[in-house]
Amino acid sequence: LGIAQVYFPANTFYEDFYIDLRQGDDTVTIHNSTVP
């Protein structure tokens, strides 16, 4: 994500989904709290 990287090990989540990833000037948004 430019200023940051994110790594999800296998089985971090319960189901497949479209993940929303966004890069701001000094922030990174990694989806939202609706996915456990």
PDB file of all heavy atoms in Angstrom:
ATOM      1  N   LEU A   1       0.823  -1.207   0.000  1.00  0.00           N
ATOM      2  CA  LEU A   1       0.000   0.000   0.000  1.00  0.00           C
ATOM      3  C   LEU A   1       0.858   1.258   0.000  1.00  0.00           C
ATOM      4  O   LEU A   1       0.441   2.299   0.504  1.00  0.00           O
ATOM      5  CB  LEU A   1      -0.932  -0.016   1.221  1.00  0.00           C
ATOM      6  CG  LEU A   1      -1.877  -1.217   1.325  1.00  0.00           C
ATOM      7  CD1 LEU A   1      -2.711  -1.131   2.587  1.00  0.00           C
ATOM      8  CD2 LEU A   1      -2.766  -1.321   0.096  1.00  0.00           C
ATOM      9  N   GLY A   2       2.055   1.154  -0.537  1.00  0.00           N
ATOM     10  CA  GLY A   2       2.924   2.321  -0.632  1.00  0.00           C
ATOM     11  C   GLY A   2       3.652   2.596   0.668  1.00  0.00           C
ATOM     12  O   GLY A   2       4.753   2.111   0.900  1.00  0.00           O
ATOM     13  N   ILE A   3       3.009   3.368   1.535  1.00  0.00           N
ATOM     14  CA  ILE A   3       3.651   3.711   2.802  1.00  0.00           C
ATOM     15  C   ILE A   3       3.613   2.544   3.796  1.00  0.00           C
ATOM     16  O   ILE A   3       4.269   2.584   4.841  1.00  0.00           O
ATOM     17  CB  ILE A   3       2.999   4.950   3.442  1.00  0.00           C
ATOM     18  CG1 ILE A   3       1.514   4.678   3.760  1.00  0.00           C
ATOM     19  CG2 ILE A   3       3.146   6.161   2.567  1.00  0.00           C
ATOM     20  CD1 ILE A   3       0.859   5.789   4.556  1.00  0.00           C
ATOM     21  N   ALA A   4       2.851   1.520   3.471  1.00  0.00           N
ATOM     22  CA  ALA A   4       2.734   0.369   4.374  1.00  0.00           C
ATOM     23  C   ALA A   4       2.460  -0.897   3.576  1.00  0.00           C
ATOM     24  O   ALA A   4       1.988  -0.845   2.430  1.00  0.00           O
ATOM     25  CB  ALA A   4       1.625   0.598   5.393  1.00  0.00           C
ATOM     26  N   GLN A   5       2.763  -2.005   4.182  1.00  0.00           N
ATOM     27  CA  GLN A   5       2.440  -3.315   3.622  1.00  0.00           C
ATOM     28  C   GLN A   5       1.591  -4.072   4.636  1.00  0.00           C
ATOM     29  O   GLN A   5       1.730  -3.888   5.850  1.00  0.00           O
ATOM     30  CB  GLN A   5       3.716  -4.127   3.316  1.00  0.00           C
ATOM     31  CG  GLN A   5       4.537  -3.596   2.146  1.00  0.00           C
ATOM     32  CD  GLN A   5       5.319  -2.352   2.512  1.00  0.00           C
ATOM     33  OE1 GLN A   5       5.916  -2.292   3.601  1.00  0.00           O
ATOM     34  NE2 GLN A   5       5.300  -1.341   1.645  1.00  0.00           N
ATOM     35  N   VAL A   6       0.732  -4.951   4.121  1.00  0.00           N
ATOM     36  CA  VAL A   6      -0.096  -5.762   5.004  1.00  0.00           C
ATOM     37  C   VAL A   6       0.015  -7.216   4.562  1.00  0.00           C
ATOM     38  O   VAL A   6      -0.005  -7.526   3.369  1.00  0.00           O
ATOM     39  CB  VAL A   6      -1.563  -5.283   5.008  1.00  0.00           C
ATOM     40  CG1 VAL A   6      -2.177  -5.307   3.623  1.00  0.00           C
ATOM     41  CG2 VAL A   6      -2.400  -6.117   5.971  1.00  0.00           C
ATOM     42  N   TYR A   7       0.157  -8.092   5.536  1.00  0.00           N
ATOM     43  CA  TYR A   7       0.290  -9.524   5.257  1.00  0.00           C
ATOM     44  C   TYR A   7      -0.749 -10.294   6.060  1.00  0.00           C
ATOM     45  O   TYR A   7      -0.823 -10.176   7.283  1.00  0.00           O
ATOM     46  CB  TYR A   7       1.687 -10.022   5.612  1.00  0.00           C
ATOM     47  CG  TYR A   7       1.825 -11.526   5.506  1.00  0.00           C
ATOM     48  CD1 TYR A   7       1.821 -12.158   4.268  1.00  0.00           C
ATOM     49  CD2 TYR A   7       1.923 -12.313   6.659  1.00  0.00           C
ATOM     50  CE1 TYR A   7       1.917 -13.537   4.180  1.00  0.00           C
ATOM     51  CE2 TYR A   7       2.031 -13.696   6.579  1.00  0.00           C
ATOM     52  CZ  TYR A   7       2.027 -14.292   5.338  1.00  0.00           C
ATOM     53  OH  TYR A   7       2.118 -15.675   5.234  1.00  0.00           O
ATOM     54  N   PHE A   8      -1.570 -11.083   5.342  1.00  0.00           N
ATOM     55  CA  PHE A   8      -2.561 -11.942   5.966  1.00  0.00           C
ATOM     56  C   PHE A   8      -2.120 -13.393   5.828  1.00  0.00           C
ATOM     57  O   PHE A   8      -2.058 -13.918   4.711  1.00  0.00           O
ATOM     58  CB  PHE A   8      -3.933 -11.781   5.282  1.00  0.00           C
ATOM     59  CG  PHE A   8      -4.490 -10.382   5.317  1.00  0.00           C
ATOM     60  CD1 PHE A   8      -4.507  -9.601   4.165  1.00  0.00           C
ATOM     61  CD2 PHE A   8      -5.006  -9.852   6.481  1.00  0.00           C
ATOM     62  CE1 PHE A   8      -5.034  -8.319   4.184  1.00  0.00           C
ATOM     63  CE2 PHE A   8      -5.541  -8.571   6.513  1.00  0.00           C
ATOM     64  CZ  PHE A   8      -5.544  -7.801   5.364  1.00  0.00           C
ATOM     65  N   PRO A   9      -1.803 -14.080   6.906  1.00  0.00           N
ATOM     66  CA  PRO A   9      -1.508 -15.513   6.812  1.00  0.00           C
ATOM     67  C   PRO A   9      -2.735 -16.278   6.322  1.00  0.00           C
ATOM     68  O   PRO A   9      -3.868 -15.773   6.377  1.00  0.00           O
ATOM     69  CB  PRO A   9      -1.164 -15.906   8.254  1.00  0.00           C
ATOM     70  CG  PRO A   9      -0.846 -14.624   8.938  1.00  0.00           C
ATOM     71  CD  PRO A   9      -1.683 -13.581   8.279  1.00  0.00           C
ATOM     72  N   ALA A  10      -2.524 -17.478   5.838  1.00  0.00           N
ATOM     73  CA  ALA A  10      -3.650 -18.327   5.435  1.00  0.00           C
ATOM     74  C   ALA A  10      -4.601 -18.500   6.615  1.00  0.00           C
ATOM     75  O   ALA A  10      -4.178 -18.610   7.772  1.00  0.00           O
ATOM     76  CB  ALA A  10      -3.143 -19.673   4.954  1.00  0.00           C
ATOM     77  N   ASN A  11      -5.895 -18.487   6.327  1.00  0.00           N
ATOM     78  CA  ASN A  11      -6.957 -18.683   7.328  1.00  0.00           C
ATOM     79  C   ASN A  11      -7.055 -17.543   8.334  1.00  0.00           C
ATOM     80  O   ASN A  11      -7.575 -17.733   9.439  1.00  0.00           O
ATOM     81  CB  ASN A  11      -6.780 -20.018   8.054  1.00  0.00           C
ATOM     82  CG  ASN A  11      -6.839 -21.204   7.107  1.00  0.00           C
ATOM     83  OD1 ASN A  11      -7.770 -21.328   6.322  1.00  0.00           O
ATOM     84  ND2 ASN A  11      -5.819 -22.052   7.161  1.00  0.00           N
ATOM     85  N   THR A  12      -6.591 -16.357   7.948  1.00  0.00           N
ATOM     86  CA  THR A  12      -6.848 -15.184   8.783  1.00  0.00           C
ATOM     87  C   THR A  12      -8.346 -14.915   8.852  1.00  0.00           C
ATOM     88  O   THR A  12      -8.878 -14.529   9.896  1.00  0.00           O
ATOM     89  CB  THR A  12      -6.134 -13.946   8.226  1.00  0.00           C
ATOM     90  OG1 THR A  12      -4.726 -14.165   8.256  1.00  0.00           O
ATOM     91  CG2 THR A  12      -6.463 -12.698   9.036  1.00  0.00           C
ATOM     92  N   PHE A  13      -9.028 -15.137   7.725  1.00  0.00           N
ATOM     93  CA  PHE A  13     -10.465 -14.881   7.637  1.00  0.00           C
ATOM     94  C   PHE A  13     -11.217 -16.194   7.444  1.00  0.00           C
ATOM     95  O   PHE A  13     -10.640 -17.211   7.061  1.00  0.00           O
ATOM     96  CB  PHE A  13     -10.758 -13.922   6.484  1.00  0.00           C
ATOM     97  CG  PHE A  13     -10.058 -12.592   6.617  1.00  0.00           C
ATOM     98  CD1 PHE A  13      -8.921 -12.309   5.877  1.00  0.00           C
ATOM     99  CD2 PHE A  13     -10.532 -11.637   7.505  1.00  0.00           C
ATOM    100  CE1 PHE A  13      -8.263 -11.095   6.015  1.00  0.00           C
ATOM    101  CE2 PHE A  13      -9.887 -10.419   7.653  1.00  0.00           C
ATOM    102  CZ  PHE A  13      -8.750 -10.151   6.906  1.00  0.00           C
ATOM    103  N   TYR A  14     -12.514 -16.150   7.687  1.00  0.00           N
ATOM    104  CA  TYR A  14     -13.344 -17.350   7.593  1.00  0.00           C
ATOM    105  C   TYR A  14     -13.775 -17.647   6.164  1.00  0.00           C
ATOM    106  O   TYR A  14     -13.924 -18.809   5.790  1.00  0.00           O
ATOM    107  CB  TYR A  14     -14.586 -17.206   8.480  1.00  0.00           C
ATOM    108  CG  TYR A  14     -14.255 -16.975   9.933  1.00  0.00           C
ATOM    109  CD1 TYR A  14     -14.462 -15.727  10.519  1.00  0.00           C
ATOM    110  CD2 TYR A  14     -13.728 -17.986  10.715  1.00  0.00           C
ATOM    111  CE1 TYR A  14     -14.156 -15.505  11.863  1.00  0.00           C
ATOM    112  CE2 TYR A  14     -13.413 -17.768  12.051  1.00  0.00           C
ATOM    113  CZ  TYR A  14     -13.624 -16.533  12.616  1.00  0.00           C
ATOM    114  OH  TYR A  14     -13.304 -16.320  13.931  1.00  0.00           O
ATOM    115  N   GLU A  15     -13.979 -16.581   5.375  1.00  0.00           N
ATOM    116  CA  GLU A  15     -14.511 -16.759   4.028  1.00  0.00           C
ATOM    117  C   GLU A  15     -13.805 -15.832   3.044  1.00  0.00           C
ATOM    118  O   GLU A  15     -13.213 -14.815   3.438  1.00  0.00           O
ATOM    119  CB  GLU A  15     -16.018 -16.470   4.023  1.00  0.00           C
ATOM    120  CG  GLU A  15     -16.825 -17.388   4.937  1.00  0.00           C
ATOM    121  CD  GLU A  15     -18.321 -17.083   4.895  1.00  0.00           C
ATOM    122  OE1 GLU A  15     -18.910 -17.285   3.810  1.00  0.00           O
ATOM    123  OE2 GLU A  15     -18.868 -16.643   5.907  1.00  0.00           O
ATOM    124  N   ASP A  16     -13.876 -16.175   1.766  1.00  0.00           N
ATOM    125  CA  ASP A  16     -13.333 -15.318   0.713  1.00  0.00           C
ATOM    126  C   ASP A  16     -14.179 -14.041   0.610  1.00  0.00           C
ATOM    127  O   ASP A  16     -15.394 -14.064   0.850  1.00  0.00           O
ATOM    128  CB  ASP A  16     -13.389 -16.038  -0.645  1.00  0.00           C
ATOM    129  CG  ASP A  16     -12.630 -17.356  -0.641  1.00  0.00           C
ATOM    130  OD1 ASP A  16     -11.805 -17.567   0.266  1.00  0.00           O
ATOM    131  OD2 ASP A  16     -12.863 -18.170  -1.555  1.00  0.00           O
ATOM    132  N   PHE A  17     -13.531 -12.937   0.240  1.00  0.00           N
ATOM    133  CA  PHE A  17     -14.297 -11.698   0.048  1.00  0.00           C
ATOM    134  C   PHE A  17     -13.454 -10.697  -0.743  1.00  0.00           C
ATOM    135  O   PHE A  17     -12.229 -10.840  -0.867  1.00  0.00           O
ATOM    136  CB  PHE A  17     -14.725 -11.092   1.392  1.00  0.00           C
ATOM    137  CG  PHE A  17     -13.593 -10.557   2.237  1.00  0.00           C
ATOM    138  CD1 PHE A  17     -13.346  -9.189   2.318  1.00  0.00           C
ATOM    139  CD2 PHE A  17     -12.766 -11.414   2.950  1.00  0.00           C
ATOM    140  CE1 PHE A  17     -12.310  -8.685   3.094  1.00  0.00           C
ATOM    141  CE2 PHE A  17     -11.728 -10.925   3.737  1.00  0.00           C
ATOM    142  CZ  PHE A  17     -11.506  -9.558   3.805  1.00  0.00           C
ATOM    143  N   TYR A  18     -14.132  -9.700  -1.292  1.00  0.00           N
ATOM    144  CA  TYR A  18     -13.448  -8.594  -1.966  1.00  0.00           C
ATOM    145  C   TYR A  18     -12.975  -7.613  -0.885  1.00  0.00           C
ATOM    146  O   TYR A  18     -13.781  -7.021  -0.173  1.00  0.00           O
ATOM    147  CB  TYR A  18     -14.387  -7.882  -2.934  1.00  0.00           C
ATOM    148  CG  TYR A  18     -14.648  -8.651  -4.206  1.00  0.00           C
ATOM    149  CD1 TYR A  18     -15.792  -9.434  -4.338  1.00  0.00           C
ATOM    150  CD2 TYR A  18     -13.748  -8.605  -5.271  1.00  0.00           C
ATOM    151  CE1 TYR A  18     -16.044 -10.145  -5.510  1.00  0.00           C
ATOM    152  CE2 TYR A  18     -13.987  -9.312  -6.441  1.00  0.00           C
ATOM    153  CZ  TYR A  18     -15.137 -10.086  -6.546  1.00  0.00           C
ATOM    154  OH  TYR A  18     -15.374 -10.793  -7.699  1.00  0.00           O
ATOM    155  N   ILE A  19     -11.669  -7.450  -0.778  1.00  0.00           N
ATOM    156  CA  ILE A  19     -11.125  -6.594   0.276  1.00  0.00           C
ATOM    157  C   ILE A  19     -10.874  -5.195  -0.279  1.00  0.00           C
ATOM    158  O   ILE A  19     -10.350  -5.018  -1.385  1.00  0.00           O
ATOM    159  CB  ILE A  19      -9.835  -7.198   0.871  1.00  0.00           C
ATOM    160  CG1 ILE A  19      -9.364  -6.365   2.073  1.00  0.00           C
ATOM    161  CG2 ILE A  19      -8.737  -7.338  -0.167  1.00  0.00           C
ATOM    162  CD1 ILE A  19      -8.301  -7.045   2.902  1.00  0.00           C
ATOM    163  N   ASP A  20     -11.288  -4.217   0.501  1.00  0.00           N
ATOM    164  CA  ASP A  20     -11.150  -2.819   0.102  1.00  0.00           C
ATOM    165  C   ASP A  20      -9.863  -2.264   0.717  1.00  0.00           C
ATOM    166  O   ASP A  20      -9.739  -2.168   1.938  1.00  0.00           O
ATOM    167  CB  ASP A  20     -12.363  -2.030   0.597  1.00  0.00           C
ATOM    168  CG  ASP A  20     -12.360  -0.587   0.108  1.00  0.00           C
ATOM    169  OD1 ASP A  20     -11.578  -0.268  -0.805  1.00  0.00           O
ATOM    170  OD2 ASP A  20     -13.141   0.228   0.663  1.00  0.00           O
ATOM    171  N   LEU A  21      -8.907  -1.892  -0.118  1.00  0.00           N
ATOM    172  CA  LEU A  21      -7.615  -1.379   0.337  1.00  0.00           C
ATOM    173  C   LEU A  21      -7.404   0.009  -0.242  1.00  0.00           C
ATOM    174  O   LEU A  21      -7.515   0.206  -1.455  1.00  0.00           O
ATOM    175  CB  LEU A  21      -6.480  -2.309  -0.103  1.00  0.00           C
ATOM    176  CG  LEU A  21      -6.567  -3.755   0.401  1.00  0.00           C
ATOM    177  CD1 LEU A  21      -5.552  -4.626  -0.313  1.00  0.00           C
ATOM    178  CD2 LEU A  21      -6.349  -3.804   1.914  1.00  0.00           C
ATOM    179  N   ARG A  22      -7.081   0.966   0.636  1.00  0.00           N
ATOM    180  CA  ARG A  22      -6.911   2.347   0.164  1.00  0.00           C
ATOM    181  C   ARG A  22      -5.672   2.970   0.800  1.00  0.00           C
ATOM    182  O   ARG A  22      -5.368   2.714   1.964  1.00  0.00           O
ATOM    183  CB  ARG A  22      -8.135   3.190   0.516  1.00  0.00           C
ATOM    184  CG  ARG A  22      -9.447   2.651  -0.051  1.00  0.00           C
ATOM    185  CD  ARG A  22     -10.623   3.506   0.374  1.00  0.00           C
ATOM    186  NE  ARG A  22     -11.897   2.921  -0.008  1.00  0.00           N
ATOM    187  CZ  ARG A  22     -13.076   3.457   0.264  1.00  0.00           C
ATOM    188  NH1 ARG A  22     -13.134   4.605   0.938  1.00  0.00           N
ATOM    189  NH2 ARG A  22     -14.183   2.861  -0.113  1.00  0.00           N
ATOM    190  N   GLN A  23      -5.012   3.826   0.022  1.00  0.00           N
ATOM    191  CA  GLN A  23      -3.843   4.540   0.518  1.00  0.00           C
ATOM    192  C   GLN A  23      -4.125   6.034   0.520  1.00  0.00           C
ATOM    193  O   GLN A  23      -4.496   6.621  -0.495  1.00  0.00           O
ATOM    194  CB  GLN A  23      -2.617   4.254  -0.354  1.00  0.00           C
ATOM    195  CG  GLN A  23      -1.387   5.032   0.068  1.00  0.00           C
ATOM    196  CD  GLN A  23      -0.218   4.832  -0.879  1.00  0.00           C
ATOM    197  OE1 GLN A  23      -0.245   3.946  -1.733  1.00  0.00           O
ATOM    198  NE2 GLN A  23       0.813   5.666  -0.751  1.00  0.00           N
ATOM    199  N   GLY A  24      -3.968   6.664   1.696  1.00  0.00           N
ATOM    200  CA  GLY A  24      -4.092   8.105   1.789  1.00  0.00           C
ATOM    201  C   GLY A  24      -2.721   8.751   1.839  1.00  0.00           C
ATOM    202  O   GLY A  24      -1.702   8.089   1.623  1.00  0.00           O
ATOM    203  N   ASP A  25      -2.683  10.035   2.148  1.00  0.00           N
ATOM    204  CA  ASP A  25      -1.392  10.723   2.226  1.00  0.00           C
ATOM    205  C   ASP A  25      -0.523  10.142   3.332  1.00  0.00           C
ATOM    206  O   ASP A  25       0.676   9.943   3.151  1.00  0.00           O
ATOM    207  CB  ASP A  25      -1.616  12.224   2.470  1.00  0.00           C
ATOM    208  CG  ASP A  25      -2.238  12.901   1.265  1.00  0.00           C
ATOM    209  OD1 ASP A  25      -2.087  12.365   0.148  1.00  0.00           O
ATOM    210  OD2 ASP A  25      -2.896  13.946   1.450  1.00  0.00           O
ATOM    211  N   ASP A  26      -1.128   9.890   4.484  1.00  0.00           N
ATOM    212  CA  ASP A  26      -0.362   9.312   5.595  1.00  0.00           C
ATOM    213  C   ASP A  26      -1.127   8.205   6.308  1.00  0.00           C
ATOM    214  O   ASP A  26      -0.834   7.859   7.452  1.00  0.00           O
ATOM    215  CB  ASP A  26       0.021  10.402   6.601  1.00  0.00           C
ATOM    216  CG  ASP A  26      -1.186  11.171   7.112  1.00  0.00           C
ATOM    217  OD1 ASP A  26      -2.322  10.797   6.756  1.00  0.00           O
ATOM    218  OD2 ASP A  26      -1.006  12.133   7.876  1.00  0.00           O
ATOM    219  N   THR A  27      -2.123   7.647   5.639  1.00  0.00           N
ATOM    220  CA  THR A  27      -2.920   6.564   6.219  1.00  0.00           C
ATOM    221  C   THR A  27      -3.058   5.417   5.226  1.00  0.00           C
ATOM    222  O   THR A  27      -2.896   5.596   4.009  1.00  0.00           O
ATOM    223  CB  THR A  27      -4.330   7.045   6.603  1.00  0.00           C
ATOM    224  OG1 THR A  27      -5.030   7.461   5.397  1.00  0.00           O
ATOM    225  CG2 THR A  27      -4.281   8.194   7.596  1.00  0.00           C
ATOM    226  N   VAL A  28      -3.371   4.256   5.756  1.00  0.00           N
ATOM    227  CA  VAL A  28      -3.786   3.119   4.929  1.00  0.00           C
ATOM    228  C   VAL A  28      -5.090   2.593   5.509  1.00  0.00           C
ATOM    229  O   VAL A  28      -5.226   2.475   6.731  1.00  0.00           O
ATOM    230  CB  VAL A  28      -2.722   2.009   4.874  1.00  0.00           C
ATOM    231  CG1 VAL A  28      -1.507   2.466   4.098  1.00  0.00           C
ATOM    232  CG2 VAL A  28      -2.327   1.530   6.259  1.00  0.00           C
ATOM    233  N   THR A  29      -6.051   2.321   4.649  1.00  0.00           N
ATOM    234  CA  THR A  29      -7.322   1.760   5.081  1.00  0.00           C
ATOM    235  C   THR A  29      -7.395   0.316   4.613  1.00  0.00           C
ATOM    236  O   THR A  29      -7.304   0.041   3.406  1.00  0.00           O
ATOM    237  CB  THR A  29      -8.508   2.565   4.533  1.00  0.00           C
ATOM    238  OG1 THR A  29      -8.447   3.901   5.054  1.00  0.00           O
ATOM    239  CG2 THR A  29      -9.826   1.927   4.933  1.00  0.00           C
ATOM    240  N   ILE A  30      -7.537  -0.568   5.565  1.00  0.00           N
ATOM    241  CA  ILE A  30      -7.590  -2.003   5.285  1.00  0.00           C
ATOM    242  C   ILE A  30      -9.007  -2.469   5.555  1.00  0.00           C
ATOM    243  O   ILE A  30      -9.376  -2.809   6.679  1.00  0.00           O
ATOM    244  CB  ILE A  30      -6.558  -2.756   6.146  1.00  0.00           C
ATOM    245  CG1 ILE A  30      -5.164  -2.146   5.959  1.00  0.00           C
ATOM    246  CG2 ILE A  30      -6.538  -4.239   5.811  1.00  0.00           C
ATOM    247  CD1 ILE A  30      -4.153  -2.608   6.975  1.00  0.00           C
ATOM    248  N   HIS A  31      -9.817  -2.407   4.510  1.00  0.00           N
ATOM    249  CA  HIS A  31     -11.225  -2.781   4.554  1.00  0.00           C
ATOM    250  C   HIS A  31     -11.948  -2.025   5.675  1.00  0.00           C
ATOM    251  O   HIS A  31     -11.714  -0.839   5.885  1.00  0.00           O
ATOM    252  CB  HIS A  31     -11.359  -4.296   4.680  1.00  0.00           C
ATOM    253  CG  HIS A  31     -12.645  -4.819   4.112  1.00  0.00           C
ATOM    254  ND1 HIS A  31     -12.880  -4.873   2.760  1.00  0.00           N
ATOM    255  CD2 HIS A  31     -13.774  -5.284   4.718  1.00  0.00           C
ATOM    256  CE1 HIS A  31     -14.092  -5.367   2.550  1.00  0.00           C
ATOM    257  NE2 HIS A  31     -14.654  -5.606   3.722  1.00  0.00           N
ATOM    258  N   ASN A  32     -12.813  -2.726   6.415  1.00  0.00           N
ATOM    259  CA  ASN A  32     -13.567  -2.104   7.507  1.00  0.00           C
ATOM    260  C   ASN A  32     -13.928  -3.168   8.534  1.00  0.00           C
ATOM    261  O   ASN A  32     -13.662  -4.357   8.343  1.00  0.00           O
ATOM    262  CB  ASN A  32     -14.825  -1.394   6.972  1.00  0.00           C
ATOM    263  CG  ASN A  32     -15.719  -2.344   6.185  1.00  0.00           C
ATOM    264  OD1 ASN A  32     -16.204  -3.336   6.722  1.00  0.00           O
ATOM    265  ND2 ASN A  32     -15.936  -2.047   4.907  1.00  0.00           N
ATOM    266  N   SER A  33     -14.561  -2.742   9.588  1.00  0.00           N
ATOM    267  CA  SER A  33     -14.767  -3.629  10.734  1.00  0.00           C
ATOM    268  C   SER A  33     -15.897  -4.631  10.551  1.00  0.00           C
ATOM    269  O   SER A  33     -16.213  -5.382  11.487  1.00  0.00           O
ATOM    270  CB  SER A  33     -15.057  -2.790  11.983  1.00  0.00           C
ATOM    271  OG  SER A  33     -16.227  -2.009  11.792  1.00  0.00           O
ATOM    272  N   THR A  34     -16.516  -4.707   9.374  1.00  0.00           N
ATOM    273  CA  THR A  34     -17.633  -5.633   9.181  1.00  0.00           C
ATOM    274  C   THR A  34     -17.184  -7.054   8.892  1.00  0.00           C
ATOM    275  O   THR A  34     -18.017  -7.959   8.825  1.00  0.00           O
ATOM    276  CB  THR A  34     -18.538  -5.160   8.023  1.00  0.00           C
ATOM    277  OG1 THR A  34     -17.771  -5.137   6.809  1.00  0.00           O
ATOM    278  CG2 THR A  34     -19.106  -3.782   8.297  1.00  0.00           C
ATOM    279  N   VAL A  35     -15.882  -7.270   8.700  1.00  0.00           N
ATOM    280  CA  VAL A  35     -15.355  -8.617   8.449  1.00  0.00           C
ATOM    281  C   VAL A  35     -14.495  -9.032   9.642  1.00  0.00           C
ATOM    282  O   VAL A  35     -13.554  -8.319   9.999  1.00  0.00           O
ATOM    283  CB  VAL A  35     -14.530  -8.668   7.154  1.00  0.00           C
ATOM    284  CG1 VAL A  35     -13.896 -10.044   6.963  1.00  0.00           C
ATOM    285  CG2 VAL A  35     -15.407  -8.322   5.949  1.00  0.00           C
ATOM    286  N   PRO A  36     -14.791 -10.174  10.272  1.00  0.00           N
ATOM    287  CA  PRO A  36     -13.998 -10.600  11.430  1.00  0.00           C
ATOM    288  C   PRO A  36     -12.728 -11.337  11.004  1.00  0.00           C
ATOM    289  O   PRO A  36     -12.742 -12.119  10.051  1.00  0.00           O
ATOM    290  CB  PRO A  36     -14.945 -11.550  12.166  1.00  0.00           C
ATOM    291  CG  PRO A  36     -15.769 -12.164  11.076  1.00  0.00           C
ATOM    292  CD  PRO A  36     -15.944 -11.084  10.018  1.00  0.00           C
TER     293      PRO A  36
END
